[in-house]
PDB file of N, CA and C in Angstrom:
ATOM      1  N   MET A   1     -13.035  25.942   4.048  1.00  0.00           N
ATOM      2  CA  MET A   1     -11.838  26.412   3.379  1.00  0.00           C
ATOM      3  C   MET A   1     -11.834  25.861   1.962  1.00  0.00           C
ATOM      4  N   GLY A   2     -11.718  26.704   1.005  1.00  0.00           N
ATOM      5  CA  GLY A   2     -11.750  26.296  -0.394  1.00  0.00           C
ATOM      6  C   GLY A   2     -10.452  25.666  -0.843  1.00  0.00           C
ATOM      7  N   SER A   3     -10.543  24.863  -1.860  1.00  0.00           N
ATOM      8  CA  SER A   3      -9.377  24.219  -2.420  1.00  0.00           C
ATOM      9  C   SER A   3      -8.690  25.177  -3.386  1.00  0.00           C
ATOM     10  N   LYS A   4      -7.444  25.500  -3.112  1.00  0.00           N
ATOM     11  CA  LYS A   4      -6.701  26.432  -3.944  1.00  0.00           C
ATOM     12  C   LYS A   4      -5.463  25.722  -4.473  1.00  0.00           C
ATOM     13  N   THR A   5      -5.276  25.754  -5.772  1.00  0.00           N
ATOM     14  CA  THR A   5      -4.084  25.139  -6.346  1.00  0.00           C
ATOM     15  C   THR A   5      -2.972  26.161  -6.397  1.00  0.00           C
ATOM     16  N   CYS A   6      -1.788  25.697  -6.141  1.00  0.00           N
ATOM     17  CA  CYS A   6      -0.619  26.569  -6.167  1.00  0.00           C
ATOM     18  C   CYS A   6       0.103  26.383  -7.491  1.00  0.00           C
ATOM     19  N   PRO A   7       0.799  27.420  -7.958  1.00  0.00           N
ATOM     20  CA  PRO A   7       1.446  27.334  -9.264  1.00  0.00           C
ATOM     21  C   PRO A   7       2.572  26.297  -9.340  1.00  0.00           C
ATOM     22  N   ASN A   8       3.190  25.954  -8.217  1.00  0.00           N
ATOM     23  CA  ASN A   8       4.290  24.992  -8.286  1.00  0.00           C
ATOM     24  C   ASN A   8       3.944  23.663  -7.616  1.00  0.00           C
ATOM     25  N   ASP A   9       2.651  23.307  -7.569  1.00  0.00           N
ATOM     26  CA  ASP A   9       2.242  22.006  -7.036  1.00  0.00           C
ATOM     27  C   ASP A   9       2.682  20.850  -7.934  1.00  0.00           C
ATOM     28  N   HIS A  10       2.957  21.116  -9.189  1.00  0.00           N
ATOM     29  CA  HIS A  10       3.368  20.060 -10.117  1.00  0.00           C
ATOM     30  C   HIS A  10       4.865  19.777 -10.052  1.00  0.00           C
ATOM     31  N   THR A  11       5.633  20.562  -9.282  1.00  0.00           N
ATOM     32  CA  THR A  11       7.067  20.320  -9.138  1.00  0.00           C
ATOM     33  C   THR A  11       7.311  19.307  -8.029  1.00  0.00           C
ATOM     34  N   LEU A  12       8.529  18.767  -7.993  1.00  0.00           N
ATOM     35  CA  LEU A  12       8.846  17.742  -7.015  1.00  0.00           C
ATOM     36  C   LEU A  12       8.926  18.304  -5.602  1.00  0.00           C
ATOM     37  N   GLY A  13       9.282  19.519  -5.444  1.00  0.00           N
ATOM     38  CA  GLY A  13       9.248  20.159  -4.128  1.00  0.00           C
ATOM     39  C   GLY A  13      10.486  19.921  -3.312  1.00  0.00           C
ATOM     40  N   PRO A  14      10.423  19.621  -2.067  1.00  0.00           N
ATOM     41  CA  PRO A  14       9.311  19.095  -1.299  1.00  0.00           C
ATOM     42  C   PRO A  14       8.367  20.146  -0.732  1.00  0.00           C
ATOM     43  N   ASN A  15       8.780  21.401  -0.602  1.00  0.00           N
ATOM     44  CA  ASN A  15       7.843  22.361  -0.031  1.00  0.00           C
ATOM     45  C   ASN A  15       7.326  23.326  -1.079  1.00  0.00           C
ATOM     46  N   VAL A  16       6.176  23.894  -0.795  1.00  0.00           N
ATOM     47  CA  VAL A  16       5.527  24.841  -1.697  1.00  0.00           C
ATOM     48  C   VAL A  16       6.103  26.221  -1.422  1.00  0.00           C
ATOM     49  N   GLU A  17       6.456  26.926  -2.440  1.00  0.00           N
ATOM     50  CA  GLU A  17       6.989  28.285  -2.294  1.00  0.00           C
ATOM     51  C   GLU A  17       5.911  29.303  -2.622  1.00  0.00           C
ATOM     52  N   GLY A  18       5.631  30.194  -1.693  1.00  0.00           N
ATOM     53  CA  GLY A  18       4.713  31.289  -1.940  1.00  0.00           C
ATOM     54  C   GLY A  18       3.248  30.913  -1.915  1.00  0.00           C
ATOM     55  N   CYS A  19       2.917  29.780  -1.369  1.00  0.00           N
ATOM     56  CA  CYS A  19       1.526  29.356  -1.306  1.00  0.00           C
ATOM     57  C   CYS A  19       1.337  28.554  -0.022  1.00  0.00           C
ATOM     58  N   ARG A  20       0.215  28.686   0.616  1.00  0.00           N
ATOM     59  CA  ARG A  20      -0.087  28.019   1.874  1.00  0.00           C
ATOM     60  C   ARG A  20       0.972  28.327   2.926  1.00  0.00           C
ATOM     61  N   GLY A  21       1.490  29.527   2.895  1.00  0.00           N
ATOM     62  CA  GLY A  21       2.488  29.950   3.874  1.00  0.00           C
ATOM     63  C   GLY A  21       3.818  29.226   3.745  1.00  0.00           C
ATOM     64  N   SER A  22       4.080  28.628   2.597  1.00  0.00           N
ATOM     65  CA  SER A  22       5.301  27.846   2.338  1.00  0.00           C
ATOM     66  C   SER A  22       5.506  26.758   3.376  1.00  0.00           C
ATOM     67  N   PHE A  23       4.404  26.236   3.918  1.00  0.00           N
ATOM     68  CA  PHE A  23       4.485  25.236   4.978  1.00  0.00           C
ATOM     69  C   PHE A  23       3.698  23.981   4.596  1.00  0.00           C
ATOM     70  N   ASP A  24       3.879  23.507   3.386  1.00  0.00           N
ATOM     71  CA  ASP A  24       3.179  22.307   2.946  1.00  0.00           C
ATOM     72  C   ASP A  24       3.999  21.629   1.862  1.00  0.00           C
ATOM     73  N   PHE A  25       3.770  20.331   1.690  1.00  0.00           N
ATOM     74  CA  PHE A  25       4.413  19.602   0.611  1.00  0.00           C
ATOM     75  C   PHE A  25       3.679  19.870  -0.694  1.00  0.00           C
ATOM     76  N   THR A  26       4.404  19.770  -1.805  1.00  0.00           N
ATOM     77  CA  THR A  26       3.738  19.872  -3.102  1.00  0.00           C
ATOM     78  C   THR A  26       2.952  18.589  -3.338  1.00  0.00           C
ATOM     79  N   LEU A  27       1.963  18.663  -4.201  1.00  0.00           N
ATOM     80  CA  LEU A  27       1.128  17.498  -4.464  1.00  0.00           C
ATOM     81  C   LEU A  27       1.925  16.357  -5.080  1.00  0.00           C
ATOM     82  N   MET A  28       2.856  16.664  -5.972  1.00  0.00           N
ATOM     83  CA  MET A  28       3.675  15.631  -6.597  1.00  0.00           C
ATOM     84  C   MET A  28       4.547  14.931  -5.551  1.00  0.00           C
ATOM     85  N   PHE A  29       5.139  15.702  -4.630  1.00  0.00           N
ATOM     86  CA  PHE A  29       5.964  15.120  -3.571  1.00  0.00           C
ATOM     87  C   PHE A  29       5.125  14.184  -2.701  1.00  0.00           C
ATOM     88  N   GLU A  30       3.909  14.618  -2.344  1.00  0.00           N
ATOM     89  CA  GLU A  30       3.034  13.783  -1.533  1.00  0.00           C
ATOM     90  C   GLU A  30       2.678  12.486  -2.247  1.00  0.00           C
ATOM     91  N   ARG A  31       2.362  12.568  -3.516  1.00  0.00           N
ATOM     92  CA  ARG A  31       1.973  11.368  -4.260  1.00  0.00           C
ATOM     93  C   ARG A  31       3.123  10.383  -4.397  1.00  0.00           C
ATOM     94  N   ILE A  32       4.322  10.886  -4.637  1.00  0.00           N
ATOM     95  CA  ILE A  32       5.464  10.001  -4.855  1.00  0.00           C
ATOM     96  C   ILE A  32       5.979   9.421  -3.544  1.00  0.00           C
ATOM     97  N   PHE A  33       6.311  10.272  -2.590  1.00  0.00           N
ATOM     98  CA  PHE A  33       7.010   9.817  -1.395  1.00  0.00           C
ATOM     99  C   PHE A  33       6.092   9.371  -0.262  1.00  0.00           C
ATOM    100  N   LEU A  34       4.845   9.767  -0.283  1.00  0.00           N
ATOM    101  CA  LEU A  34       3.938   9.366   0.789  1.00  0.00           C
ATOM    102  C   LEU A  34       2.912   8.338   0.335  1.00  0.00           C
ATOM    103  N   ALA A  35       2.920   7.960  -0.942  1.00  0.00           N
ATOM    104  CA  ALA A  35       1.965   6.968  -1.426  1.00  0.00           C
ATOM    105  C   ALA A  35       2.643   5.897  -2.280  1.00  0.00           C
ATOM    106  N   ILE A  36       3.323   6.284  -3.324  1.00  0.00           N
ATOM    107  CA  ILE A  36       3.885   5.318  -4.268  1.00  0.00           C
ATOM    108  C   ILE A  36       5.057   4.551  -3.664  1.00  0.00           C
ATOM    109  N   VAL A  37       5.981   5.245  -3.018  1.00  0.00           N
ATOM    110  CA  VAL A  37       7.166   4.579  -2.456  1.00  0.00           C
ATOM    111  C   VAL A  37       6.781   3.598  -1.347  1.00  0.00           C
ATOM    112  N   PRO A  38       5.970   3.981  -0.353  1.00  0.00           N
ATOM    113  CA  PRO A  38       5.596   2.994   0.665  1.00  0.00           C
ATOM    114  C   PRO A  38       4.809   1.810   0.084  1.00  0.00           C
ATOM    115  N   GLY A  39       3.951   2.075  -0.885  1.00  0.00           N
ATOM    116  CA  GLY A  39       3.214   0.991  -1.522  1.00  0.00           C
ATOM    117  C   GLY A  39       4.129   0.029  -2.259  1.00  0.00           C
ATOM    118  N   SER A  40       5.107   0.559  -2.948  1.00  0.00           N
ATOM    119  CA  SER A  40       6.070  -0.281  -3.671  1.00  0.00           C
ATOM    120  C   SER A  40       6.906  -1.112  -2.712  1.00  0.00           C
ATOM    121  N   VAL A  41       7.330  -0.518  -1.618  1.00  0.00           N
ATOM    122  CA  VAL A  41       8.104  -1.260  -0.611  1.00  0.00           C
ATOM    123  C   VAL A  41       7.254  -2.379  -0.024  1.00  0.00           C
ATOM    124  N   PHE A  42       5.990  -2.101   0.262  1.00  0.00           N
ATOM    125  CA  PHE A  42       5.086  -3.117   0.801  1.00  0.00           C
ATOM    126  C   PHE A  42       4.919  -4.285  -0.170  1.00  0.00           C
ATOM    127  N   VAL A  43       4.727  -3.996  -1.440  1.00  0.00           N
ATOM    128  CA  VAL A  43       4.571  -5.061  -2.440  1.00  0.00           C
ATOM    129  C   VAL A  43       5.851  -5.892  -2.547  1.00  0.00           C
ATOM    130  N   ALA A  44       7.013  -5.233  -2.537  1.00  0.00           N
ATOM    131  CA  ALA A  44       8.283  -5.955  -2.617  1.00  0.00           C
ATOM    132  C   ALA A  44       8.475  -6.861  -1.401  1.00  0.00           C
ATOM    133  N   LEU A  45       8.147  -6.365  -0.218  1.00  0.00           N
ATOM    134  CA  LEU A  45       8.272  -7.186   0.988  1.00  0.00           C
ATOM    135  C   LEU A  45       7.290  -8.360   0.970  1.00  0.00           C
ATOM    136  N   CYS A  46       6.093  -8.128   0.450  1.00  0.00           N
ATOM    137  CA  CYS A  46       5.110  -9.220   0.343  1.00  0.00           C
ATOM    138  C   CYS A  46       5.600 -10.298  -0.609  1.00  0.00           C
ATOM    139  N   LEU A  47       6.164  -9.904  -1.736  1.00  0.00           N
ATOM    140  CA  LEU A  47       6.681 -10.888  -2.687  1.00  0.00           C
ATOM    141  C   LEU A  47       7.815 -11.703  -2.082  1.00  0.00           C
ATOM    142  N   ALA A  48       8.693 -11.028  -1.326  1.00  0.00           N
ATOM    143  CA  ALA A  48       9.787 -11.741  -0.675  1.00  0.00           C
ATOM    144  C   ALA A  48       9.245 -12.720   0.368  1.00  0.00           C
ATOM    145  N   ARG A  49       8.242 -12.312   1.109  1.00  0.00           N
ATOM    146  CA  ARG A  49       7.645 -13.201   2.119  1.00  0.00           C
ATOM    147  C   ARG A  49       6.950 -14.393   1.462  1.00  0.00           C
ATOM    148  N   PHE A  50       6.233 -14.157   0.368  1.00  0.00           N
ATOM    149  CA  PHE A  50       5.586 -15.253  -0.348  1.00  0.00           C
ATOM    150  C   PHE A  50       6.612 -16.251  -0.876  1.00  0.00           C
ATOM    151  N   ALA A  51       7.728 -15.749  -1.394  1.00  0.00           N
ATOM    152  CA  ALA A  51       8.778 -16.636  -1.885  1.00  0.00           C
ATOM    153  C   ALA A  51       9.350 -17.470  -0.745  1.00  0.00           C
ATOM    154  N   TYR A  52       9.546 -16.853   0.420  1.00  0.00           N
ATOM    155  CA  TYR A  52      10.056 -17.575   1.584  1.00  0.00           C
ATOM    156  C   TYR A  52       9.065 -18.645   2.038  1.00  0.00           C
ATOM    157  N   LEU A  53       7.789 -18.281   2.120  1.00  0.00           N
ATOM    158  CA  LEU A  53       6.781 -19.237   2.572  1.00  0.00           C
ATOM    159  C   LEU A  53       6.564 -20.363   1.574  1.00  0.00           C
ATOM    160  N   TYR A  54       6.747 -20.081   0.293  1.00  0.00           N
ATOM    161  CA  TYR A  54       6.586 -21.114  -0.728  1.00  0.00           C
ATOM    162  C   TYR A  54       7.644 -22.202  -0.566  1.00  0.00           C
ATOM    163  N   ARG A  55       8.857 -21.812  -0.183  1.00  0.00           N
ATOM    164  CA  ARG A  55       9.952 -22.761  -0.017  1.00  0.00           C
ATOM    165  C   ARG A  55       9.941 -23.443   1.355  1.00  0.00           C
ATOM    166  N   ALA A  56       9.219 -22.887   2.312  1.00  0.00           N
ATOM    167  CA  ALA A  56       9.194 -23.442   3.670  1.00  0.00           C
ATOM    168  C   ALA A  56       8.425 -24.763   3.683  1.00  0.00           C
ATOM    169  N   PRO A  57       8.776 -25.652   4.606  1.00  0.00           N
ATOM    170  CA  PRO A  57       8.048 -26.925   4.694  1.00  0.00           C
ATOM    171  C   PRO A  57       6.607 -26.688   5.153  1.00  0.00           C
ATOM    172  N   ARG A  58       5.728 -27.553   4.712  1.00  0.00           N
ATOM    173  CA  ARG A  58       4.316 -27.422   5.067  1.00  0.00           C
ATOM    174  C   ARG A  58       4.114 -27.820   6.528  1.00  0.00           C
ATOM    175  N   VAL A  59       3.269 -27.075   7.190  1.00  0.00           N
ATOM    176  CA  VAL A  59       2.970 -27.350   8.584  1.00  0.00           C
ATOM    177  C   VAL A  59       1.827 -28.350   8.684  1.00  0.00           C
ATOM    178  N   VAL A  60       0.856 -28.227   7.784  1.00  0.00           N
ATOM    179  CA  VAL A  60      -0.313 -29.093   7.802  1.00  0.00           C
ATOM    180  C   VAL A  60      -0.207 -30.064   6.629  1.00  0.00           C
ATOM    181  N   ASP A  61      -0.257 -31.346   6.931  1.00  0.00           N
ATOM    182  CA  ASP A  61      -0.233 -32.362   5.881  1.00  0.00           C
ATOM    183  C   ASP A  61      -1.651 -32.889   5.670  1.00  0.00           C
ATOM    184  N   GLY A  62      -1.914 -33.319   4.474  1.00  0.00           N
ATOM    185  CA  GLY A  62      -3.214 -33.896   4.164  1.00  0.00           C
ATOM    186  C   GLY A  62      -4.146 -32.880   3.538  1.00  0.00           C
ATOM    187  N   VAL A  63      -4.876 -33.337   2.543  1.00  0.00           N
ATOM    188  CA  VAL A  63      -5.767 -32.473   1.785  1.00  0.00           C
ATOM    189  C   VAL A  63      -6.927 -31.972   2.644  1.00  0.00           C
ATOM    190  N   VAL A  64      -7.461 -32.838   3.501  1.00  0.00           N
ATOM    191  CA  VAL A  64      -8.612 -32.445   4.323  1.00  0.00           C
ATOM    192  C   VAL A  64      -8.212 -31.340   5.291  1.00  0.00           C
ATOM    193  N   PHE A  65      -7.064 -31.475   5.941  1.00  0.00           N
ATOM    194  CA  PHE A  65      -6.620 -30.461   6.879  1.00  0.00           C
ATOM    195  C   PHE A  65      -6.282 -29.147   6.168  1.00  0.00           C
ATOM    196  N   GLN A  66      -5.686 -29.225   4.995  1.00  0.00           N
ATOM    197  CA  GLN A  66      -5.383 -28.014   4.242  1.00  0.00           C
ATOM    198  C   GLN A  66      -6.660 -27.293   3.838  1.00  0.00           C
ATOM    199  N   PHE A  67      -7.639 -28.034   3.360  1.00  0.00           N
ATOM    200  CA  PHE A  67      -8.902 -27.439   2.960  1.00  0.00           C
ATOM    201  C   PHE A  67      -9.603 -26.800   4.165  1.00  0.00           C
ATOM    202  N   THR A  68      -9.597 -27.504   5.303  1.00  0.00           N
ATOM    203  CA  THR A  68     -10.211 -26.968   6.518  1.00  0.00           C
ATOM    204  C   THR A  68      -9.523 -25.685   6.958  1.00  0.00           C
ATOM    205  N   LYS A  69      -8.228 -25.654   6.889  1.00  0.00           N
ATOM    206  CA  LYS A  69      -7.472 -24.469   7.286  1.00  0.00           C
ATOM    207  C   LYS A  69      -7.786 -23.297   6.361  1.00  0.00           C
ATOM    208  N   ILE A  70      -7.843 -23.524   5.061  1.00  0.00           N
ATOM    209  CA  ILE A  70      -8.152 -22.463   4.102  1.00  0.00           C
ATOM    210  C   ILE A  70      -9.552 -21.917   4.336  1.00  0.00           C
ATOM    211  N   VAL A  71     -10.519 -22.804   4.540  1.00  0.00           N
ATOM    212  CA  VAL A  71     -11.901 -22.367   4.761  1.00  0.00           C
ATOM    213  C   VAL A  71     -12.003 -21.593   6.074  1.00  0.00           C
ATOM    214  N   ARG A  72     -11.343 -22.059   7.101  1.00  0.00           N
ATOM    215  CA  ARG A  72     -11.429 -21.424   8.417  1.00  0.00           C
ATOM    216  C   ARG A  72     -10.762 -20.044   8.420  1.00  0.00           C
ATOM    217  N   LEU A  73      -9.675 -19.879   7.725  1.00  0.00           N
ATOM    218  CA  LEU A  73      -8.945 -18.616   7.741  1.00  0.00           C
ATOM    219  C   LEU A  73      -9.384 -17.624   6.676  1.00  0.00           C
ATOM    220  N   SER A  74     -10.187 -18.068   5.744  1.00  0.00           N
ATOM    221  CA  SER A  74     -10.617 -17.151   4.676  1.00  0.00           C
ATOM    222  C   SER A  74     -11.710 -16.224   5.202  1.00  0.00           C
ATOM    223  N   PRO A  75     -11.682 -14.977   4.769  1.00  0.00           N
ATOM    224  CA  PRO A  75     -12.722 -14.040   5.231  1.00  0.00           C
ATOM    225  C   PRO A  75     -14.057 -14.367   4.574  1.00  0.00           C
ATOM    226  N   HIS A  76     -15.098 -14.117   5.303  1.00  0.00           N
ATOM    227  CA  HIS A  76     -16.442 -14.342   4.782  1.00  0.00           C
ATOM    228  C   HIS A  76     -16.896 -13.062   4.098  1.00  0.00           C
ATOM    229  N   ARG A  77     -17.258 -13.173   2.843  1.00  0.00           N
ATOM    230  CA  ARG A  77     -17.656 -11.994   2.074  1.00  0.00           C
ATOM    231  C   ARG A  77     -19.148 -12.034   1.809  1.00  0.00           C
ATOM    232  N   LYS A  78     -19.724 -10.845   1.818  1.00  0.00           N
ATOM    233  CA  LYS A  78     -21.122 -10.707   1.419  1.00  0.00           C
ATOM    234  C   LYS A  78     -21.142 -10.203  -0.019  1.00  0.00           C
ATOM    235  N   GLU A  79     -22.072 -10.680  -0.769  1.00  0.00           N
ATOM    236  CA  GLU A  79     -22.226 -10.210  -2.133  1.00  0.00           C
ATOM    237  C   GLU A  79     -22.884  -8.832  -2.112  1.00  0.00           C
ATOM    238  N   ALA A  80     -22.366  -7.926  -2.893  1.00  0.00           N
ATOM    239  CA  ALA A  80     -22.948  -6.583  -2.992  1.00  0.00           C
ATOM    240  C   ALA A  80     -24.253  -6.659  -3.753  1.00  0.00           C
ATOM    241  N   VAL A  81     -25.250  -6.000  -3.228  1.00  0.00           N
ATOM    242  CA  VAL A  81     -26.570  -6.030  -3.847  1.00  0.00           C
ATOM    243  C   VAL A  81     -26.737  -4.834  -4.751  1.00  0.00           C
TER     244      VAL A  81
END
């Protein structure tokens, strides 16, 4: 199936009129409400969680234990060749 652009894909929509059987979201609607908004909410929630954890008391005391915990929980990465 070939990729066909519709004349009103650049509008906010939410549905396409006269193209794809009028049964699809416009591209702009998909980009904003199905990608940008959830991503923004996720980033905001992460920042709030980081702020909460920064103020929380430390569970592990001591530099050696902190270093061990960071090394153990960090993902192992391979260098791209």
